[in-house]
Amino acid sequence: MLVNTQKLKGRRVEKGLTIRELAKKMDISAQSAHRKLNDDTGTYLTLPEVESLIRILDIDNPREYFLCL
């Protein structure tokens, strides 16, 4: 899955959430959220995490943020 990290970061900022706050809502560590949301090599979002992000960030068009190959 490809993630538009800049668009996702922009949406997080629009919603007024820090990485730590978002991680807490996703029930993952802040370190893990940072790695996953910054597209670090070898660290990927799971489908439940993507679904959680869509819900938490109130994303209307997930295809703008996430692309499944």
PDB file of N, CA and C in Angstrom:
ATOM      1  N   MET A   1       0.841  -1.174   0.000  1.00  0.00           N
ATOM      2  CA  MET A   1       0.000   0.000   0.000  1.00  0.00           C
ATOM      3  C   MET A   1       0.886   1.237   0.000  1.00  0.00           C
ATOM      4  N   LEU A   2       0.578   2.136  -0.881  1.00  0.00           N
ATOM      5  CA  LEU A   2       1.287   3.406  -0.935  1.00  0.00           C
ATOM      6  C   LEU A   2       0.501   4.441  -0.142  1.00  0.00           C
ATOM      7  N   VAL A   3       1.217   5.259   0.591  1.00  0.00           N
ATOM      8  CA  VAL A   3       0.589   6.275   1.431  1.00  0.00           C
ATOM      9  C   VAL A   3       1.097   7.648   1.021  1.00  0.00           C
ATOM     10  N   ASN A   4       0.184   8.578   0.813  1.00  0.00           N
ATOM     11  CA  ASN A   4       0.561   9.958   0.541  1.00  0.00           C
ATOM     12  C   ASN A   4       0.839  10.599   1.902  1.00  0.00           C
ATOM     13  N   THR A   5       2.078  10.489   2.347  1.00  0.00           N
ATOM     14  CA  THR A   5       2.441  10.905   3.701  1.00  0.00           C
ATOM     15  C   THR A   5       2.240  12.406   3.921  1.00  0.00           C
ATOM     16  N   GLN A   6       2.513  13.209   2.924  1.00  0.00           N
ATOM     17  CA  GLN A   6       2.350  14.657   3.090  1.00  0.00           C
ATOM     18  C   GLN A   6       0.884  15.039   3.248  1.00  0.00           C
ATOM     19  N   LYS A   7       0.036  14.420   2.457  1.00  0.00           N
ATOM     20  CA  LYS A   7      -1.399  14.698   2.542  1.00  0.00           C
ATOM     21  C   LYS A   7      -1.947  14.214   3.885  1.00  0.00           C
ATOM     22  N   LEU A   8      -1.484  13.057   4.313  1.00  0.00           N
ATOM     23  CA  LEU A   8      -1.921  12.507   5.597  1.00  0.00           C
ATOM     24  C   LEU A   8      -1.464  13.403   6.751  1.00  0.00           C
ATOM     25  N   LYS A   9      -0.245  13.885   6.685  1.00  0.00           N
ATOM     26  CA  LYS A   9       0.264  14.789   7.722  1.00  0.00           C
ATOM     27  C   LYS A   9      -0.560  16.077   7.737  1.00  0.00           C
ATOM     28  N   GLY A  10      -0.864  16.598   6.556  1.00  0.00           N
ATOM     29  CA  GLY A  10      -1.673  17.810   6.469  1.00  0.00           C
ATOM     30  C   GLY A  10      -3.039  17.630   7.103  1.00  0.00           C
ATOM     31  N   ARG A  11      -3.637  16.473   6.876  1.00  0.00           N
ATOM     32  CA  ARG A  11      -4.956  16.197   7.448  1.00  0.00           C
ATOM     33  C   ARG A  11      -4.873  16.090   8.979  1.00  0.00           C
ATOM     34  N   ARG A  12      -3.807  15.454   9.458  1.00  0.00           N
ATOM     35  CA  ARG A  12      -3.604  15.334  10.901  1.00  0.00           C
ATOM     36  C   ARG A  12      -3.476  16.716  11.527  1.00  0.00           C
ATOM     37  N   VAL A  13      -2.708  17.582  10.890  1.00  0.00           N
ATOM     38  CA  VAL A  13      -2.520  18.944  11.386  1.00  0.00           C
ATOM     39  C   VAL A  13      -3.843  19.716  11.333  1.00  0.00           C
ATOM     40  N   GLU A  14      -4.604  19.551  10.246  1.00  0.00           N
ATOM     41  CA  GLU A  14      -5.915  20.200  10.133  1.00  0.00           C
ATOM     42  C   GLU A  14      -6.818  19.826  11.294  1.00  0.00           C
ATOM     43  N   LYS A  15      -6.731  18.578  11.717  1.00  0.00           N
ATOM     44  CA  LYS A  15      -7.557  18.083  12.819  1.00  0.00           C
ATOM     45  C   LYS A  15      -6.976  18.443  14.182  1.00  0.00           C
ATOM     46  N   GLY A  16      -5.798  19.082  14.189  1.00  0.00           N
ATOM     47  CA  GLY A  16      -5.192  19.546  15.431  1.00  0.00           C
ATOM     48  C   GLY A  16      -4.619  18.439  16.296  1.00  0.00           C
ATOM     49  N   LEU A  17      -4.181  17.343  15.667  1.00  0.00           N
ATOM     50  CA  LEU A  17      -3.646  16.205  16.410  1.00  0.00           C
ATOM     51  C   LEU A  17      -2.135  16.103  16.270  1.00  0.00           C
ATOM     52  N   THR A  18      -1.476  15.836  17.372  1.00  0.00           N
ATOM     53  CA  THR A  18      -0.054  15.515  17.313  1.00  0.00           C
ATOM     54  C   THR A  18       0.083  14.032  16.980  1.00  0.00           C
ATOM     55  N   ILE A  19       1.286  13.614  16.650  1.00  0.00           N
ATOM     56  CA  ILE A  19       1.538  12.190  16.406  1.00  0.00           C
ATOM     57  C   ILE A  19       1.175  11.395  17.659  1.00  0.00           C
ATOM     58  N   ARG A  20       1.552  11.900  18.816  1.00  0.00           N
ATOM     59  CA  ARG A  20       1.282  11.206  20.082  1.00  0.00           C
ATOM     60  C   ARG A  20      -0.227  11.044  20.311  1.00  0.00           C
ATOM     61  N   GLU A  21      -0.993  12.099  20.056  1.00  0.00           N
ATOM     62  CA  GLU A  21      -2.444  12.029  20.241  1.00  0.00           C
ATOM     63  C   GLU A  21      -3.083  11.062  19.251  1.00  0.00           C
ATOM     64  N   LEU A  22      -2.618  11.123  18.007  1.00  0.00           N
ATOM     65  CA  LEU A  22      -3.134  10.214  16.987  1.00  0.00           C
ATOM     66  C   LEU A  22      -2.799   8.768  17.329  1.00  0.00           C
ATOM     67  N   ALA A  23      -1.577   8.529  17.766  1.00  0.00           N
ATOM     68  CA  ALA A  23      -1.150   7.180  18.143  1.00  0.00           C
ATOM     69  C   ALA A  23      -2.030   6.637  19.263  1.00  0.00           C
ATOM     70  N   LYS A  24      -2.336   7.472  20.238  1.00  0.00           N
ATOM     71  CA  LYS A  24      -3.173   7.036  21.349  1.00  0.00           C
ATOM     72  C   LYS A  24      -4.554   6.626  20.857  1.00  0.00           C
ATOM     73  N   LYS A  25      -5.116   7.414  19.936  1.00  0.00           N
ATOM     74  CA  LYS A  25      -6.427   7.092  19.375  1.00  0.00           C
ATOM     75  C   LYS A  25      -6.375   5.802  18.542  1.00  0.00           C
ATOM     76  N   MET A  26      -5.208   5.531  17.937  1.00  0.00           N
ATOM     77  CA  MET A  26      -5.035   4.323  17.126  1.00  0.00           C
ATOM     78  C   MET A  26      -4.641   3.118  17.976  1.00  0.00           C
ATOM     79  N   ASP A  27      -4.338   3.355  19.244  1.00  0.00           N
ATOM     80  CA  ASP A  27      -3.901   2.316  20.173  1.00  0.00           C
ATOM     81  C   ASP A  27      -2.572   1.686  19.747  1.00  0.00           C
ATOM     82  N   ILE A  28      -1.646   2.547  19.317  1.00  0.00           N
ATOM     83  CA  ILE A  28      -0.279   2.116  19.010  1.00  0.00           C
ATOM     84  C   ILE A  28       0.678   3.109  19.664  1.00  0.00           C
ATOM     85  N   SER A  29       1.953   2.741  19.741  1.00  0.00           N
ATOM     86  CA  SER A  29       2.925   3.646  20.359  1.00  0.00           C
ATOM     87  C   SER A  29       3.182   4.850  19.455  1.00  0.00           C
ATOM     88  N   ALA A  30       3.604   5.937  20.059  1.00  0.00           N
ATOM     89  CA  ALA A  30       3.931   7.140  19.295  1.00  0.00           C
ATOM     90  C   ALA A  30       5.084   6.864  18.339  1.00  0.00           C
ATOM     91  N   GLN A  31       6.055   6.072  18.783  1.00  0.00           N
ATOM     92  CA  GLN A  31       7.198   5.732  17.939  1.00  0.00           C
ATOM     93  C   GLN A  31       6.738   4.939  16.713  1.00  0.00           C
ATOM     94  N   SER A  32       5.865   3.994  16.920  1.00  0.00           N
ATOM     95  CA  SER A  32       5.345   3.199  15.814  1.00  0.00           C
ATOM     96  C   SER A  32       4.548   4.077  14.850  1.00  0.00           C
ATOM     97  N   ALA A  33       3.716   4.950  15.387  1.00  0.00           N
ATOM     98  CA  ALA A  33       2.932   5.851  14.542  1.00  0.00           C
ATOM     99  C   ALA A  33       3.850   6.744  13.719  1.00  0.00           C
ATOM    100  N   HIS A  34       4.885   7.270  14.347  1.00  0.00           N
ATOM    101  CA  HIS A  34       5.826   8.129  13.632  1.00  0.00           C
ATOM    102  C   HIS A  34       6.457   7.378  12.462  1.00  0.00           C
ATOM    103  N   ARG A  35       6.926   6.168  12.711  1.00  0.00           N
ATOM    104  CA  ARG A  35       7.556   5.377  11.643  1.00  0.00           C
ATOM    105  C   ARG A  35       6.562   5.069  10.524  1.00  0.00           C
ATOM    106  N   LYS A  36       5.369   4.653  10.894  1.00  0.00           N
ATOM    107  CA  LYS A  36       4.372   4.270   9.894  1.00  0.00           C
ATOM    108  C   LYS A  36       3.870   5.467   9.096  1.00  0.00           C
ATOM    109  N   LEU A  37       3.690   6.597   9.746  1.00  0.00           N
ATOM    110  CA  LEU A  37       3.157   7.768   9.060  1.00  0.00           C
ATOM    111  C   LEU A  37       4.214   8.533   8.286  1.00  0.00           C
ATOM    112  N   ASN A  38       5.476   8.221   8.525  1.00  0.00           N
ATOM    113  CA  ASN A  38       6.550   8.839   7.761  1.00  0.00           C
ATOM    114  C   ASN A  38       7.134   7.881   6.744  1.00  0.00           C
ATOM    115  N   ASP A  39       6.434   6.762   6.537  1.00  0.00           N
ATOM    116  CA  ASP A  39       6.770   5.805   5.487  1.00  0.00           C
ATOM    117  C   ASP A  39       8.209   5.304   5.586  1.00  0.00           C
ATOM    118  N   ASP A  40       8.665   5.035   6.820  1.00  0.00           N
ATOM    119  CA  ASP A  40      10.003   4.472   7.010  1.00  0.00           C
ATOM    120  C   ASP A  40      10.076   3.100   6.354  1.00  0.00           C
ATOM    121  N   THR A  41      11.177   2.806   5.743  1.00  0.00           N
ATOM    122  CA  THR A  41      11.373   1.538   5.057  1.00  0.00           C
ATOM    123  C   THR A  41      11.108   0.369   5.998  1.00  0.00           C
ATOM    124  N   GLY A  42      10.301  -0.566   5.537  1.00  0.00           N
ATOM    125  CA  GLY A  42      10.021  -1.768   6.302  1.00  0.00           C
ATOM    126  C   GLY A  42       8.947  -1.618   7.356  1.00  0.00           C
ATOM    127  N   THR A  43       8.353  -0.442   7.471  1.00  0.00           N
ATOM    128  CA  THR A  43       7.292  -0.212   8.443  1.00  0.00           C
ATOM    129  C   THR A  43       6.037   0.191   7.689  1.00  0.00           C
ATOM    130  N   TYR A  44       5.007  -0.612   7.807  1.00  0.00           N
ATOM    131  CA  TYR A  44       3.803  -0.396   7.006  1.00  0.00           C
ATOM    132  C   TYR A  44       2.564  -0.314   7.877  1.00  0.00           C
ATOM    133  N   LEU A  45       1.580   0.416   7.380  1.00  0.00           N
ATOM    134  CA  LEU A  45       0.277   0.469   8.037  1.00  0.00           C
ATOM    135  C   LEU A  45      -0.490  -0.807   7.724  1.00  0.00           C
ATOM    136  N   THR A  46      -1.152  -1.344   8.721  1.00  0.00           N
ATOM    137  CA  THR A  46      -2.020  -2.494   8.504  1.00  0.00           C
ATOM    138  C   THR A  46      -3.379  -1.982   8.045  1.00  0.00           C
ATOM    139  N   LEU A  47      -4.196  -2.861   7.505  1.00  0.00           N
ATOM    140  CA  LEU A  47      -5.526  -2.455   7.072  1.00  0.00           C
ATOM    141  C   LEU A  47      -6.358  -1.916   8.238  1.00  0.00           C
ATOM    142  N   PRO A  48      -6.348  -2.556   9.408  1.00  0.00           N
ATOM    143  CA  PRO A  48      -7.086  -1.963  10.539  1.00  0.00           C
ATOM    144  C   PRO A  48      -6.571  -0.573  10.923  1.00  0.00           C
ATOM    145  N   GLU A  49      -5.262  -0.349  10.795  1.00  0.00           N
ATOM    146  CA  GLU A  49      -4.707   0.978  11.090  1.00  0.00           C
ATOM    147  C   GLU A  49      -5.179   2.007  10.063  1.00  0.00           C
ATOM    148  N   VAL A  50      -5.234   1.618   8.813  1.00  0.00           N
ATOM    149  CA  VAL A  50      -5.729   2.514   7.762  1.00  0.00           C
ATOM    150  C   VAL A  50      -7.195   2.854   8.034  1.00  0.00           C
ATOM    151  N   GLU A  51      -7.979   1.841   8.368  1.00  0.00           N
ATOM    152  CA  GLU A  51      -9.388   2.081   8.673  1.00  0.00           C
ATOM    153  C   GLU A  51      -9.533   3.014   9.872  1.00  0.00           C
ATOM    154  N   SER A  52      -8.679   2.842  10.849  1.00  0.00           N
ATOM    155  CA  SER A  52      -8.684   3.708  12.031  1.00  0.00           C
ATOM    156  C   SER A  52      -8.343   5.147  11.649  1.00  0.00           C
ATOM    157  N   LEU A  53      -7.336   5.327  10.821  1.00  0.00           N
ATOM    158  CA  LEU A  53      -6.957   6.672  10.365  1.00  0.00           C
ATOM    159  C   LEU A  53      -8.095   7.340   9.607  1.00  0.00           C
ATOM    160  N   ILE A  54      -8.763   6.579   8.744  1.00  0.00           N
ATOM    161  CA  ILE A  54      -9.876   7.126   7.976  1.00  0.00           C
ATOM    162  C   ILE A  54     -10.969   7.631   8.915  1.00  0.00           C
ATOM    163  N   ARG A  55     -11.239   6.865   9.952  1.00  0.00           N
ATOM    164  CA  ARG A  55     -12.273   7.242  10.918  1.00  0.00           C
ATOM    165  C   ARG A  55     -11.828   8.429  11.774  1.00  0.00           C
ATOM    166  N   ILE A  56     -10.636   8.342  12.344  1.00  0.00           N
ATOM    167  CA  ILE A  56     -10.141   9.383  13.256  1.00  0.00           C
ATOM    168  C   ILE A  56      -9.965  10.722  12.545  1.00  0.00           C
ATOM    169  N   LEU A  57      -9.421  10.676  11.331  1.00  0.00           N
ATOM    170  CA  LEU A  57      -9.148  11.907  10.596  1.00  0.00           C
ATOM    171  C   LEU A  57     -10.317  12.346   9.722  1.00  0.00           C
ATOM    172  N   ASP A  58     -11.419  11.581   9.785  1.00  0.00           N
ATOM    173  CA  ASP A  58     -12.629  11.919   9.028  1.00  0.00           C
ATOM    174  C   ASP A  58     -12.304  12.133   7.542  1.00  0.00           C
ATOM    175  N   ILE A  59     -11.686  11.122   6.958  1.00  0.00           N
ATOM    176  CA  ILE A  59     -11.268  11.178   5.561  1.00  0.00           C
ATOM    177  C   ILE A  59     -12.424  10.725   4.675  1.00  0.00           C
ATOM    178  N   ASP A  60     -12.860  11.613   3.768  1.00  0.00           N
ATOM    179  CA  ASP A  60     -13.980  11.307   2.880  1.00  0.00           C
ATOM    180  C   ASP A  60     -13.564  10.482   1.662  1.00  0.00           C
ATOM    181  N   ASN A  61     -12.384  10.739   1.137  1.00  0.00           N
ATOM    182  CA  ASN A  61     -11.925  10.044  -0.061  1.00  0.00           C
ATOM    183  C   ASN A  61     -10.592   9.367   0.220  1.00  0.00           C
ATOM    184  N   PRO A  62     -10.613   8.137   0.748  1.00  0.00           N
ATOM    185  CA  PRO A  62      -9.379   7.456   1.123  1.00  0.00           C
ATOM    186  C   PRO A  62      -8.392   7.271  -0.030  1.00  0.00           C
ATOM    187  N   ARG A  63      -8.876   7.226  -1.253  1.00  0.00           N
ATOM    188  CA  ARG A  63      -7.973   7.029  -2.391  1.00  0.00           C
ATOM    189  C   ARG A  63      -6.996   8.195  -2.572  1.00  0.00           C
ATOM    190  N   GLU A  64      -7.338   9.349  -2.027  1.00  0.00           N
ATOM    191  CA  GLU A  64      -6.422  10.482  -2.090  1.00  0.00           C
ATOM    192  C   GLU A  64      -5.235  10.298  -1.141  1.00  0.00           C
ATOM    193  N   TYR A  65      -5.417   9.441  -0.145  1.00  0.00           N
ATOM    194  CA  TYR A  65      -4.398   9.232   0.892  1.00  0.00           C
ATOM    195  C   TYR A  65      -3.707   7.878   0.796  1.00  0.00           C
ATOM    196  N   PHE A  66      -4.468   6.863   0.382  1.00  0.00           N
ATOM    197  CA  PHE A  66      -3.969   5.485   0.376  1.00  0.00           C
ATOM    198  C   PHE A  66      -4.252   4.859  -0.985  1.00  0.00           C
ATOM    199  N   LEU A  67      -3.256   4.161  -1.503  1.00  0.00           N
ATOM    200  CA  LEU A  67      -3.423   3.469  -2.792  1.00  0.00           C
ATOM    201  C   LEU A  67      -3.010   2.022  -2.612  1.00  0.00           C
ATOM    202  N   CYS A  68      -3.950   1.133  -2.786  1.00  0.00           N
ATOM    203  CA  CYS A  68      -3.658  -0.302  -2.705  1.00  0.00           C
ATOM    204  C   CYS A  68      -3.277  -0.781  -4.097  1.00  0.00           C
ATOM    205  N   LEU A  69      -2.181  -1.499  -4.173  1.00  0.00           N
ATOM    206  CA  LEU A  69      -1.735  -2.035  -5.465  1.00  0.00           C
ATOM    207  C   LEU A  69      -2.186  -3.457  -5.652  1.00  0.00           C
TER     208      LEU A  69
END
